[in-house]
């Protein structure tokens, strides 16, 4: 049961990290900022790690070193998902220029 939960959390993490990675890379193309490219690359590396963890948890490969190297437990996966959701929330909020406020700058 724990292996199945860890595998499902790995799939959720891979999906979230993949979406954020692609959004950040597209933003780096539009705004020409290196920070977006670095964040997007970091999310894509996290996605690859989560995919490898899911493959290890579902015993797709029969290699012994593969399972031990990429096996993740549900608690670290849940913390990674929480982190990705927090970053997603920060990236999806409305961007206001500095010095502006909701009441028209009064």
PDB file of N, CA and C in Angstrom:
ATOM      1  N   UNK A   1       0.825  -1.194   0.000  1.00  0.00           N
ATOM      2  CA  UNK A   1       0.000   0.000   0.000  1.00  0.00           C
ATOM      3  C   UNK A   1       0.875   1.268   0.000  1.00  0.00           C
ATOM      4  N   UNK A   2       1.942   1.279   0.788  1.00  0.00           N
ATOM      5  CA  UNK A   2       2.826   2.444   0.841  1.00  0.00           C
ATOM      6  C   UNK A   2       3.525   2.640  -0.498  1.00  0.00           C
ATOM      7  N   UNK A   3       3.919   1.538  -1.139  1.00  0.00           N
ATOM      8  CA  UNK A   3       4.577   1.655  -2.442  1.00  0.00           C
ATOM      9  C   UNK A   3       3.637   2.257  -3.479  1.00  0.00           C
ATOM     10  N   UNK A   4       2.368   1.854  -3.433  1.00  0.00           N
ATOM     11  CA  UNK A   4       1.382   2.389  -4.369  1.00  0.00           C
ATOM     12  C   UNK A   4       1.166   3.880  -4.118  1.00  0.00           C
ATOM     13  N   UNK A   5       1.074   4.267  -2.840  1.00  0.00           N
ATOM     14  CA  UNK A   5       0.908   5.678  -2.502  1.00  0.00           C
ATOM     15  C   UNK A   5       2.115   6.499  -2.956  1.00  0.00           C
ATOM     16  N   UNK A   6       3.309   5.973  -2.741  1.00  0.00           N
ATOM     17  CA  UNK A   6       4.518   6.672  -3.184  1.00  0.00           C
ATOM     18  C   UNK A   6       4.556   6.782  -4.708  1.00  0.00           C
ATOM     19  N   UNK A   7       4.125   5.750  -5.396  1.00  0.00           N
ATOM     20  CA  UNK A   7       4.071   5.800  -6.860  1.00  0.00           C
ATOM     21  C   UNK A   7       3.083   6.834  -7.363  1.00  0.00           C
ATOM     22  N   UNK A   8       1.915   6.907  -6.739  1.00  0.00           N
ATOM     23  CA  UNK A   8       0.915   7.901  -7.132  1.00  0.00           C
ATOM     24  C   UNK A   8       1.401   9.320  -6.850  1.00  0.00           C
ATOM     25  N   UNK A   9       2.023   9.522  -5.683  1.00  0.00           N
ATOM     26  CA  UNK A   9       2.565  10.841  -5.364  1.00  0.00           C
ATOM     27  C   UNK A   9       3.679  11.223  -6.328  1.00  0.00           C
ATOM     28  N   UNK A  10       4.446  10.243  -6.773  1.00  0.00           N
ATOM     29  CA  UNK A  10       5.498  10.515  -7.759  1.00  0.00           C
ATOM     30  C   UNK A  10       4.902  10.991  -9.076  1.00  0.00           C
ATOM     31  N   UNK A  11       3.804  10.385  -9.475  1.00  0.00           N
ATOM     32  CA  UNK A  11       3.138  10.789 -10.717  1.00  0.00           C
ATOM     33  C   UNK A  11       2.577  12.203 -10.585  1.00  0.00           C
ATOM     34  N   UNK A  12       1.973  12.516  -9.425  1.00  0.00           N
ATOM     35  CA  UNK A  12       1.448  13.867  -9.194  1.00  0.00           C
ATOM     36  C   UNK A  12       2.582  14.885  -9.226  1.00  0.00           C
ATOM     37  N   UNK A  13       3.693  14.567  -8.564  1.00  0.00           N
ATOM     38  CA  UNK A  13       4.833  15.469  -8.549  1.00  0.00           C
ATOM     39  C   UNK A  13       5.402  15.660  -9.948  1.00  0.00           C
ATOM     40  N   UNK A  14       5.488  14.591 -10.708  1.00  0.00           N
ATOM     41  CA  UNK A  14       6.011  14.697 -12.078  1.00  0.00           C
ATOM     42  C   UNK A  14       5.118  15.602 -12.926  1.00  0.00           C
ATOM     43  N   UNK A  15       3.816  15.462 -12.783  1.00  0.00           N
ATOM     44  CA  UNK A  15       2.891  16.290 -13.572  1.00  0.00           C
ATOM     45  C   UNK A  15       2.996  17.761 -13.176  1.00  0.00           C
ATOM     46  N   UNK A  16       2.984  18.037 -11.870  1.00  0.00           N
ATOM     47  CA  UNK A  16       3.071  19.423 -11.417  1.00  0.00           C
ATOM     48  C   UNK A  16       4.399  20.061 -11.808  1.00  0.00           C
ATOM     49  N   UNK A  17       5.486  19.342 -11.599  1.00  0.00           N
ATOM     50  CA  UNK A  17       6.801  19.885 -11.932  1.00  0.00           C
ATOM     51  C   UNK A  17       6.949  20.070 -13.442  1.00  0.00           C
ATOM     52  N   UNK A  18       6.375  19.164 -14.221  1.00  0.00           N
ATOM     53  CA  UNK A  18       6.438  19.297 -15.672  1.00  0.00           C
ATOM     54  C   UNK A  18       5.694  20.524 -16.177  1.00  0.00           C
ATOM     55  N   UNK A  19       4.508  20.764 -15.625  1.00  0.00           N
ATOM     56  CA  UNK A  19       3.729  21.933 -16.029  1.00  0.00           C
ATOM     57  C   UNK A  19       4.475  23.216 -15.660  1.00  0.00           C
ATOM     58  N   UNK A  20       4.972  23.279 -14.415  1.00  0.00           N
ATOM     59  CA  UNK A  20       5.687  24.482 -13.997  1.00  0.00           C
ATOM     60  C   UNK A  20       6.983  24.674 -14.774  1.00  0.00           C
ATOM     61  N   UNK A  21       7.661  23.573 -15.079  1.00  0.00           N
ATOM     62  CA  UNK A  21       8.890  23.677 -15.862  1.00  0.00           C
ATOM     63  C   UNK A  21       8.632  24.230 -17.246  1.00  0.00           C
ATOM     64  N   UNK A  22       7.591  23.733 -17.886  1.00  0.00           N
ATOM     65  CA  UNK A  22       7.248  24.227 -19.228  1.00  0.00           C
ATOM     66  C   UNK A  22       6.817  25.690 -19.194  1.00  0.00           C
ATOM     67  N   UNK A  23       6.021  26.072 -18.182  1.00  0.00           N
ATOM     68  CA  UNK A  23       5.606  27.473 -18.062  1.00  0.00           C
ATOM     69  C   UNK A  23       6.803  28.394 -17.851  1.00  0.00           C
ATOM     70  N   UNK A  24       7.725  27.967 -17.000  1.00  0.00           N
ATOM     71  CA  UNK A  24       8.905  28.798 -16.737  1.00  0.00           C
ATOM     72  C   UNK A  24       9.786  28.910 -17.978  1.00  0.00           C
ATOM     73  N   UNK A  25       9.927  27.823 -18.729  1.00  0.00           N
ATOM     74  CA  UNK A  25      10.735  27.893 -19.950  1.00  0.00           C
ATOM     75  C   UNK A  25      10.074  28.777 -21.010  1.00  0.00           C
ATOM     76  N   UNK A  26       8.752  28.713 -21.104  1.00  0.00           N
ATOM     77  CA  UNK A  26       8.054  29.606 -22.034  1.00  0.00           C
ATOM     78  C   UNK A  26       8.194  31.061 -21.592  1.00  0.00           C
ATOM     79  N   UNK A  27       8.145  31.300 -20.282  1.00  0.00           N
ATOM     80  CA  UNK A  27       8.328  32.661 -19.775  1.00  0.00           C
ATOM     81  C   UNK A  27       9.739  33.157 -20.048  1.00  0.00           C
ATOM     82  N   UNK A  28      10.711  32.255 -19.991  1.00  0.00           N
ATOM     83  CA  UNK A  28      12.091  32.678 -20.268  1.00  0.00           C
ATOM     84  C   UNK A  28      12.255  33.078 -21.736  1.00  0.00           C
ATOM     85  N   UNK A  29      11.500  32.453 -22.631  1.00  0.00           N
ATOM     86  CA  UNK A  29      11.552  32.839 -24.034  1.00  0.00           C
ATOM     87  C   UNK A  29      10.886  34.195 -24.262  1.00  0.00           C
ATOM     88  N   UNK A  30       9.802  34.430 -23.562  1.00  0.00           N
ATOM     89  CA  UNK A  30       9.051  35.676 -23.761  1.00  0.00           C
ATOM     90  C   UNK A  30       9.748  36.872 -23.121  1.00  0.00           C
ATOM     91  N   UNK A  31      10.218  36.717 -21.890  1.00  0.00           N
ATOM     92  CA  UNK A  31      10.767  37.847 -21.151  1.00  0.00           C
ATOM     93  C   UNK A  31      12.290  37.921 -21.180  1.00  0.00           C
ATOM     94  N   UNK A  32      12.941  36.942 -21.771  1.00  0.00           N
ATOM     95  CA  UNK A  32      14.401  36.921 -21.902  1.00  0.00           C
ATOM     96  C   UNK A  32      15.104  37.092 -20.556  1.00  0.00           C
ATOM     97  N   UNK A  33      14.617  36.374 -19.523  1.00  0.00           N
ATOM     98  CA  UNK A  33      15.247  36.418 -18.218  1.00  0.00           C
ATOM     99  C   UNK A  33      15.853  35.063 -17.905  1.00  0.00           C
ATOM    100  N   UNK A  34      17.058  35.107 -17.397  1.00  0.00           N
ATOM    101  CA  UNK A  34      17.768  33.871 -17.095  1.00  0.00           C
ATOM    102  C   UNK A  34      17.145  33.147 -15.905  1.00  0.00           C
ATOM    103  N   UNK A  35      16.543  33.902 -14.976  1.00  0.00           N
ATOM    104  CA  UNK A  35      15.946  33.278 -13.792  1.00  0.00           C
ATOM    105  C   UNK A  35      14.848  32.292 -14.172  1.00  0.00           C
ATOM    106  N   UNK A  36      14.022  32.674 -15.124  1.00  0.00           N
ATOM    107  CA  UNK A  36      12.951  31.777 -15.558  1.00  0.00           C
ATOM    108  C   UNK A  36      13.522  30.500 -16.164  1.00  0.00           C
ATOM    109  N   UNK A  37      14.590  30.637 -16.926  1.00  0.00           N
ATOM    110  CA  UNK A  37      15.218  29.458 -17.527  1.00  0.00           C
ATOM    111  C   UNK A  37      15.778  28.529 -16.448  1.00  0.00           C
ATOM    112  N   UNK A  38      16.425  29.095 -15.440  1.00  0.00           N
ATOM    113  CA  UNK A  38      16.982  28.273 -14.365  1.00  0.00           C
ATOM    114  C   UNK A  38      15.887  27.596 -13.545  1.00  0.00           C
ATOM    115  N   UNK A  39      14.823  28.315 -13.260  1.00  0.00           N
ATOM    116  CA  UNK A  39      13.702  27.725 -12.517  1.00  0.00           C
ATOM    117  C   UNK A  39      13.045  26.629 -13.342  1.00  0.00           C
ATOM    118  N   UNK A  40      12.848  26.881 -14.633  1.00  0.00           N
ATOM    119  CA  UNK A  40      12.251  25.866 -15.498  1.00  0.00           C
ATOM    120  C   UNK A  40      13.101  24.618 -15.589  1.00  0.00           C
ATOM    121  N   UNK A  41      14.402  24.799 -15.693  1.00  0.00           N
ATOM    122  CA  UNK A  41      15.305  23.649 -15.734  1.00  0.00           C
ATOM    123  C   UNK A  41      15.257  22.875 -14.425  1.00  0.00           C
ATOM    124  N   UNK A  42      15.207  23.585 -13.307  1.00  0.00           N
ATOM    125  CA  UNK A  42      15.125  22.906 -12.001  1.00  0.00           C
ATOM    126  C   UNK A  42      13.840  22.087 -11.890  1.00  0.00           C
ATOM    127  N   UNK A  43      12.731  22.642 -12.354  1.00  0.00           N
ATOM    128  CA  UNK A  43      11.474  21.898 -12.304  1.00  0.00           C
ATOM    129  C   UNK A  43      11.504  20.679 -13.224  1.00  0.00           C
ATOM    130  N   UNK A  44      12.137  20.810 -14.375  1.00  0.00           N
ATOM    131  CA  UNK A  44      12.218  19.662 -15.276  1.00  0.00           C
ATOM    132  C   UNK A  44      13.119  18.571 -14.693  1.00  0.00           C
ATOM    133  N   UNK A  45      14.181  18.963 -13.990  1.00  0.00           N
ATOM    134  CA  UNK A  45      15.010  17.959 -13.298  1.00  0.00           C
ATOM    135  C   UNK A  45      14.197  17.281 -12.197  1.00  0.00           C
ATOM    136  N   UNK A  46      13.377  18.061 -11.477  1.00  0.00           N
ATOM    137  CA  UNK A  46      12.513  17.469 -10.452  1.00  0.00           C
ATOM    138  C   UNK A  46      11.510  16.517 -11.087  1.00  0.00           C
ATOM    139  N   UNK A  47      11.003  16.861 -12.270  1.00  0.00           N
ATOM    140  CA  UNK A  47      10.065  15.985 -12.963  1.00  0.00           C
ATOM    141  C   UNK A  47      10.729  14.659 -13.334  1.00  0.00           C
ATOM    142  N   UNK A  48      11.956  14.734 -13.849  1.00  0.00           N
ATOM    143  CA  UNK A  48      12.675  13.506 -14.210  1.00  0.00           C
ATOM    144  C   UNK A  48      12.899  12.636 -12.978  1.00  0.00           C
ATOM    145  N   UNK A  49      13.264  13.262 -11.855  1.00  0.00           N
ATOM    146  CA  UNK A  49      13.458  12.511 -10.616  1.00  0.00           C
ATOM    147  C   UNK A  49      12.160  11.837 -10.177  1.00  0.00           C
ATOM    148  N   UNK A  50      11.043  12.546 -10.296  1.00  0.00           N
ATOM    149  CA  UNK A  50       9.754  11.969  -9.903  1.00  0.00           C
ATOM    150  C   UNK A  50       9.344  10.832 -10.833  1.00  0.00           C
ATOM    151  N   UNK A  51       9.625  10.965 -12.129  1.00  0.00           N
ATOM    152  CA  UNK A  51       9.317   9.880 -13.067  1.00  0.00           C
ATOM    153  C   UNK A  51      10.160   8.645 -12.734  1.00  0.00           C
ATOM    154  N   UNK A  52      11.437   8.854 -12.455  1.00  0.00           N
ATOM    155  CA  UNK A  52      12.293   7.728 -12.082  1.00  0.00           C
ATOM    156  C   UNK A  52      11.835   7.094 -10.776  1.00  0.00           C
ATOM    157  N   UNK A  53      11.372   7.912  -9.831  1.00  0.00           N
ATOM    158  CA  UNK A  53      10.846   7.369  -8.575  1.00  0.00           C
ATOM    159  C   UNK A  53       9.588   6.540  -8.816  1.00  0.00           C
ATOM    160  N   UNK A  54       8.714   7.017  -9.704  1.00  0.00           N
ATOM    161  CA  UNK A  54       7.496   6.260 -10.011  1.00  0.00           C
ATOM    162  C   UNK A  54       7.845   4.936 -10.682  1.00  0.00           C
ATOM    163  N   UNK A  55       8.784   4.962 -11.613  1.00  0.00           N
ATOM    164  CA  UNK A  55       9.200   3.716 -12.268  1.00  0.00           C
ATOM    165  C   UNK A  55       9.813   2.747 -11.267  1.00  0.00           C
ATOM    166  N   UNK A  56      10.559   3.277 -10.309  1.00  0.00           N
ATOM    167  CA  UNK A  56      11.165   2.416  -9.288  1.00  0.00           C
ATOM    168  C   UNK A  56      10.106   1.837  -8.361  1.00  0.00           C
ATOM    169  N   UNK A  57       9.114   2.653  -7.971  1.00  0.00           N
ATOM    170  CA  UNK A  57       8.080   2.170  -7.050  1.00  0.00           C
ATOM    171  C   UNK A  57       7.173   1.133  -7.700  1.00  0.00           C
ATOM    172  N   UNK A  58       6.934   1.252  -8.991  1.00  0.00           N
ATOM    173  CA  UNK A  58       6.077   0.290  -9.681  1.00  0.00           C
ATOM    174  C   UNK A  58       6.853  -0.885 -10.261  1.00  0.00           C
ATOM    175  N   UNK A  59       8.146  -0.998  -9.926  1.00  0.00           N
ATOM    176  CA  UNK A  59       9.005  -2.124 -10.342  1.00  0.00           C
ATOM    177  C   UNK A  59       8.994  -2.325 -11.856  1.00  0.00           C
ATOM    178  N   UNK A  60       9.154  -1.252 -12.601  1.00  0.00           N
ATOM    179  CA  UNK A  60       9.184  -1.346 -14.057  1.00  0.00           C
ATOM    180  C   UNK A  60      10.477  -2.004 -14.521  1.00  0.00           C
ATOM    181  N   UNK A  61      11.573  -1.647 -13.852  1.00  0.00           N
ATOM    182  CA  UNK A  61      12.863  -2.232 -14.187  1.00  0.00           C
ATOM    183  C   UNK A  61      13.290  -3.179 -13.088  1.00  0.00           C
ATOM    184  N   UNK A  62      13.953  -4.262 -13.467  1.00  0.00           N
ATOM    185  CA  UNK A  62      14.346  -5.284 -12.497  1.00  0.00           C
ATOM    186  C   UNK A  62      15.771  -5.083 -11.984  1.00  0.00           C
ATOM    187  N   UNK A  63      16.340  -3.906 -12.166  1.00  0.00           N
ATOM    188  CA  UNK A  63      17.702  -3.647 -11.722  1.00  0.00           C
ATOM    189  C   UNK A  63      17.687  -3.264 -10.247  1.00  0.00           C
ATOM    190  N   UNK A  64      18.554  -3.877  -9.455  1.00  0.00           N
ATOM    191  CA  UNK A  64      18.524  -3.632  -8.012  1.00  0.00           C
ATOM    192  C   UNK A  64      19.006  -2.226  -7.660  1.00  0.00           C
ATOM    193  N   UNK A  65      20.028  -1.700  -8.354  1.00  0.00           N
ATOM    194  CA  UNK A  65      20.526  -0.361  -8.017  1.00  0.00           C
ATOM    195  C   UNK A  65      19.526   0.714  -8.380  1.00  0.00           C
ATOM    196  N   UNK A  66      18.681   0.454  -9.376  1.00  0.00           N
ATOM    197  CA  UNK A  66      17.706   1.444  -9.822  1.00  0.00           C
ATOM    198  C   UNK A  66      16.667   1.704  -8.743  1.00  0.00           C
ATOM    199  N   UNK A  67      16.179   0.634  -8.124  1.00  0.00           N
ATOM    200  CA  UNK A  67      15.143   0.777  -7.114  1.00  0.00           C
ATOM    201  C   UNK A  67      15.678   1.501  -5.883  1.00  0.00           C
ATOM    202  N   UNK A  68      16.859   1.162  -5.433  1.00  0.00           N
ATOM    203  CA  UNK A  68      17.400   1.787  -4.233  1.00  0.00           C
ATOM    204  C   UNK A  68      17.791   3.239  -4.477  1.00  0.00           C
ATOM    205  N   UNK A  69      18.227   3.545  -5.661  1.00  0.00           N
ATOM    206  CA  UNK A  69      18.684   4.911  -5.935  1.00  0.00           C
ATOM    207  C   UNK A  69      17.532   5.909  -6.042  1.00  0.00           C
ATOM    208  N   UNK A  70      16.411   5.497  -6.602  1.00  0.00           N
ATOM    209  CA  UNK A  70      15.336   6.441  -6.873  1.00  0.00           C
ATOM    210  C   UNK A  70      14.077   6.192  -6.050  1.00  0.00           C
ATOM    211  N   UNK A  71      14.123   5.282  -5.112  1.00  0.00           N
ATOM    212  CA  UNK A  71      12.951   5.025  -4.285  1.00  0.00           C
ATOM    213  C   UNK A  71      12.734   6.200  -3.335  1.00  0.00           C
ATOM    214  N   UNK A  72      11.566   6.781  -3.362  1.00  0.00           N
ATOM    215  CA  UNK A  72      11.213   7.881  -2.477  1.00  0.00           C
ATOM    216  C   UNK A  72      10.036   7.452  -1.619  1.00  0.00           C
ATOM    217  N   UNK A  73      10.028   7.908  -0.400  1.00  0.00           N
ATOM    218  CA  UNK A  73       8.939   7.579   0.516  1.00  0.00           C
ATOM    219  C   UNK A  73       7.832   8.628   0.389  1.00  0.00           C
ATOM    220  N   UNK A  74       6.636   8.299   0.855  1.00  0.00           N
ATOM    221  CA  UNK A  74       5.511   9.224   0.702  1.00  0.00           C
ATOM    222  C   UNK A  74       5.704  10.578   1.386  1.00  0.00           C
ATOM    223  N   UNK A  75       6.353  10.625   2.545  1.00  0.00           N
ATOM    224  CA  UNK A  75       6.497  11.913   3.239  1.00  0.00           C
ATOM    225  C   UNK A  75       7.391  12.884   2.469  1.00  0.00           C
ATOM    226  N   UNK A  76       8.602  12.488   1.991  1.00  0.00           N
ATOM    227  CA  UNK A  76       9.369  13.440   1.180  1.00  0.00           C
ATOM    228  C   UNK A  76       8.648  13.832  -0.106  1.00  0.00           C
ATOM    229  N   UNK A  77       7.934  12.898  -0.715  1.00  0.00           N
ATOM    230  CA  UNK A  77       7.177  13.238  -1.919  1.00  0.00           C
ATOM    231  C   UNK A  77       6.077  14.240  -1.614  1.00  0.00           C
ATOM    232  N   UNK A  78       5.385  14.066  -0.493  1.00  0.00           N
ATOM    233  CA  UNK A  78       4.333  15.008  -0.117  1.00  0.00           C
ATOM    234  C   UNK A  78       4.913  16.398   0.142  1.00  0.00           C
ATOM    235  N   UNK A  79       6.087  16.462   0.763  1.00  0.00           N
ATOM    236  CA  UNK A  79       6.732  17.752   0.999  1.00  0.00           C
ATOM    237  C   UNK A  79       7.163  18.398  -0.314  1.00  0.00           C
ATOM    238  N   UNK A  80       7.666  17.608  -1.259  1.00  0.00           N
ATOM    239  CA  UNK A  80       8.025  18.153  -2.564  1.00  0.00           C
ATOM    240  C   UNK A  80       6.796  18.674  -3.300  1.00  0.00           C
ATOM    241  N   UNK A  81       5.681  17.948  -3.205  1.00  0.00           N
ATOM    242  CA  UNK A  81       4.440  18.390  -3.845  1.00  0.00           C
ATOM    243  C   UNK A  81       3.961  19.695  -3.220  1.00  0.00           C
ATOM    244  N   UNK A  82       4.037  19.803  -1.898  1.00  0.00           N
ATOM    245  CA  UNK A  82       3.651  21.036  -1.220  1.00  0.00           C
ATOM    246  C   UNK A  82       4.519  22.200  -1.693  1.00  0.00           C
ATOM    247  N   UNK A  83       5.807  21.963  -1.833  1.00  0.00           N
ATOM    248  CA  UNK A  83       6.717  23.000  -2.307  1.00  0.00           C
ATOM    249  C   UNK A  83       6.362  23.440  -3.721  1.00  0.00           C
ATOM    250  N   UNK A  84       6.091  22.484  -4.584  1.00  0.00           N
ATOM    251  CA  UNK A  84       5.735  22.814  -5.964  1.00  0.00           C
ATOM    252  C   UNK A  84       4.409  23.578  -6.007  1.00  0.00           C
ATOM    253  N   UNK A  85       3.446  23.191  -5.170  1.00  0.00           N
ATOM    254  CA  UNK A  85       2.166  23.903  -5.140  1.00  0.00           C
ATOM    255  C   UNK A  85       2.340  25.335  -4.643  1.00  0.00           C
ATOM    256  N   UNK A  86       3.214  25.545  -3.672  1.00  0.00           N
ATOM    257  CA  UNK A  86       3.476  26.897  -3.195  1.00  0.00           C
ATOM    258  C   UNK A  86       4.109  27.757  -4.288  1.00  0.00           C
ATOM    259  N   UNK A  87       5.050  27.190  -5.020  1.00  0.00           N
ATOM    260  CA  UNK A  87       5.672  27.928  -6.124  1.00  0.00           C
ATOM    261  C   UNK A  87       4.649  28.185  -7.221  1.00  0.00           C
ATOM    262  N   UNK A  88       3.780  27.200  -7.485  1.00  0.00           N
ATOM    263  CA  UNK A  88       2.735  27.379  -8.482  1.00  0.00           C
ATOM    264  C   UNK A  88       1.816  28.527  -8.088  1.00  0.00           C
ATOM    265  N   UNK A  89       1.443  28.573  -6.816  1.00  0.00           N
ATOM    266  CA  UNK A  89       0.607  29.667  -6.335  1.00  0.00           C
ATOM    267  C   UNK A  89       1.289  31.012  -6.472  1.00  0.00           C
ATOM    268  N   UNK A  90       2.583  31.049  -6.202  1.00  0.00           N
ATOM    269  CA  UNK A  90       3.323  32.295  -6.332  1.00  0.00           C
ATOM    270  C   UNK A  90       3.447  32.723  -7.785  1.00  0.00           C
ATOM    271  N   UNK A  91       3.619  31.777  -8.685  1.00  0.00           N
ATOM    272  CA  UNK A  91       3.788  32.112 -10.090  1.00  0.00           C
ATOM    273  C   UNK A  91       2.471  32.441 -10.777  1.00  0.00           C
ATOM    274  N   UNK A  92       1.366  31.941 -10.274  1.00  0.00           N
ATOM    275  CA  UNK A  92       0.095  32.143 -10.962  1.00  0.00           C
ATOM    276  C   UNK A  92      -0.652  33.379 -10.471  1.00  0.00           C
ATOM    277  N   UNK A  93      -0.164  34.035  -9.415  1.00  0.00           N
ATOM    278  CA  UNK A  93      -0.830  35.232  -8.915  1.00  0.00           C
ATOM    279  C   UNK A  93      -0.674  36.394  -9.870  1.00  0.00           C
ATOM    280  N   UNK A  94      -1.529  37.384  -9.709  1.00  0.00           N
ATOM    281  CA  UNK A  94      -1.448  38.570 -10.558  1.00  0.00           C
ATOM    282  C   UNK A  94      -0.189  39.351 -10.222  1.00  0.00           C
ATOM    283  N   UNK A  95       0.458  39.821 -11.241  1.00  0.00           N
ATOM    284  CA  UNK A  95       1.666  40.613 -11.049  1.00  0.00           C
ATOM    285  C   UNK A  95       1.300  42.090 -11.080  1.00  0.00           C
ATOM    286  N   UNK A  96       1.643  42.783 -10.009  1.00  0.00           N
ATOM    287  CA  UNK A  96       1.416  44.227  -9.958  1.00  0.00           C
ATOM    288  C   UNK A  96       2.777  44.913  -9.957  1.00  0.00           C
ATOM    289  N   UNK A  97       2.884  46.013 -10.668  1.00  0.00           N
ATOM    290  CA  UNK A  97       4.144  46.752 -10.640  1.00  0.00           C
ATOM    291  C   UNK A  97       4.429  47.266  -9.240  1.00  0.00           C
ATOM    292  N   UNK A  98       5.706  47.410  -8.855  1.00  0.00           N
ATOM    293  CA  UNK A  98       6.018  47.933  -7.527  1.00  0.00           C
ATOM    294  C   UNK A  98       5.455  49.335  -7.342  1.00  0.00           C
ATOM    295  N   UNK A  99       4.930  49.593  -6.146  1.00  0.00           N
ATOM    296  CA  UNK A  99       4.380  50.915  -5.850  1.00  0.00           C
ATOM    297  C   UNK A  99       2.912  51.055  -6.148  1.00  0.00           C
ATOM    298  N   UNK A 100       2.319  50.065  -6.817  1.00  0.00           N
ATOM    299  CA  UNK A 100       0.881  50.163  -7.082  1.00  0.00           C
ATOM    300  C   UNK A 100       0.122  49.445  -5.984  1.00  0.00           C
ATOM    301  N   UNK A 101      -1.088  49.882  -5.751  1.00  0.00           N
ATOM    302  CA  UNK A 101      -1.927  49.221  -4.772  1.00  0.00           C
ATOM    303  C   UNK A 101      -3.306  48.991  -5.352  1.00  0.00           C
ATOM    304  N   UNK A 102      -4.141  48.318  -4.595  1.00  0.00           N
ATOM    305  CA  UNK A 102      -5.455  47.980  -5.097  1.00  0.00           C
ATOM    306  C   UNK A 102      -6.381  49.196  -5.159  1.00  0.00           C
ATOM    307  N   UNK A 103      -6.117  50.211  -4.337  1.00  0.00           N
ATOM    308  CA  UNK A 103      -7.025  51.352  -4.316  1.00  0.00           C
ATOM    309  C   UNK A 103      -6.562  52.484  -5.243  1.00  0.00           C
ATOM    310  N   UNK A 104      -5.782  52.181  -6.238  1.00  0.00           N
ATOM    311  CA  UNK A 104      -5.398  53.170  -7.240  1.00  0.00           C
ATOM    312  C   UNK A 104      -4.185  53.997  -6.884  1.00  0.00           C
ATOM    313  N   UNK A 105      -3.383  53.547  -5.913  1.00  0.00           N
ATOM    314  CA  UNK A 105      -2.152  54.232  -5.569  1.00  0.00           C
ATOM    315  C   UNK A 105      -2.311  55.356  -4.576  1.00  0.00           C
ATOM    316  N   UNK A 106      -3.414  55.387  -3.856  1.00  0.00           N
ATOM    317  CA  UNK A 106      -3.633  56.459  -2.862  1.00  0.00           C
ATOM    318  C   UNK A 106      -2.916  56.174  -1.588  1.00  0.00           C
TER     319      UNK A 106
END
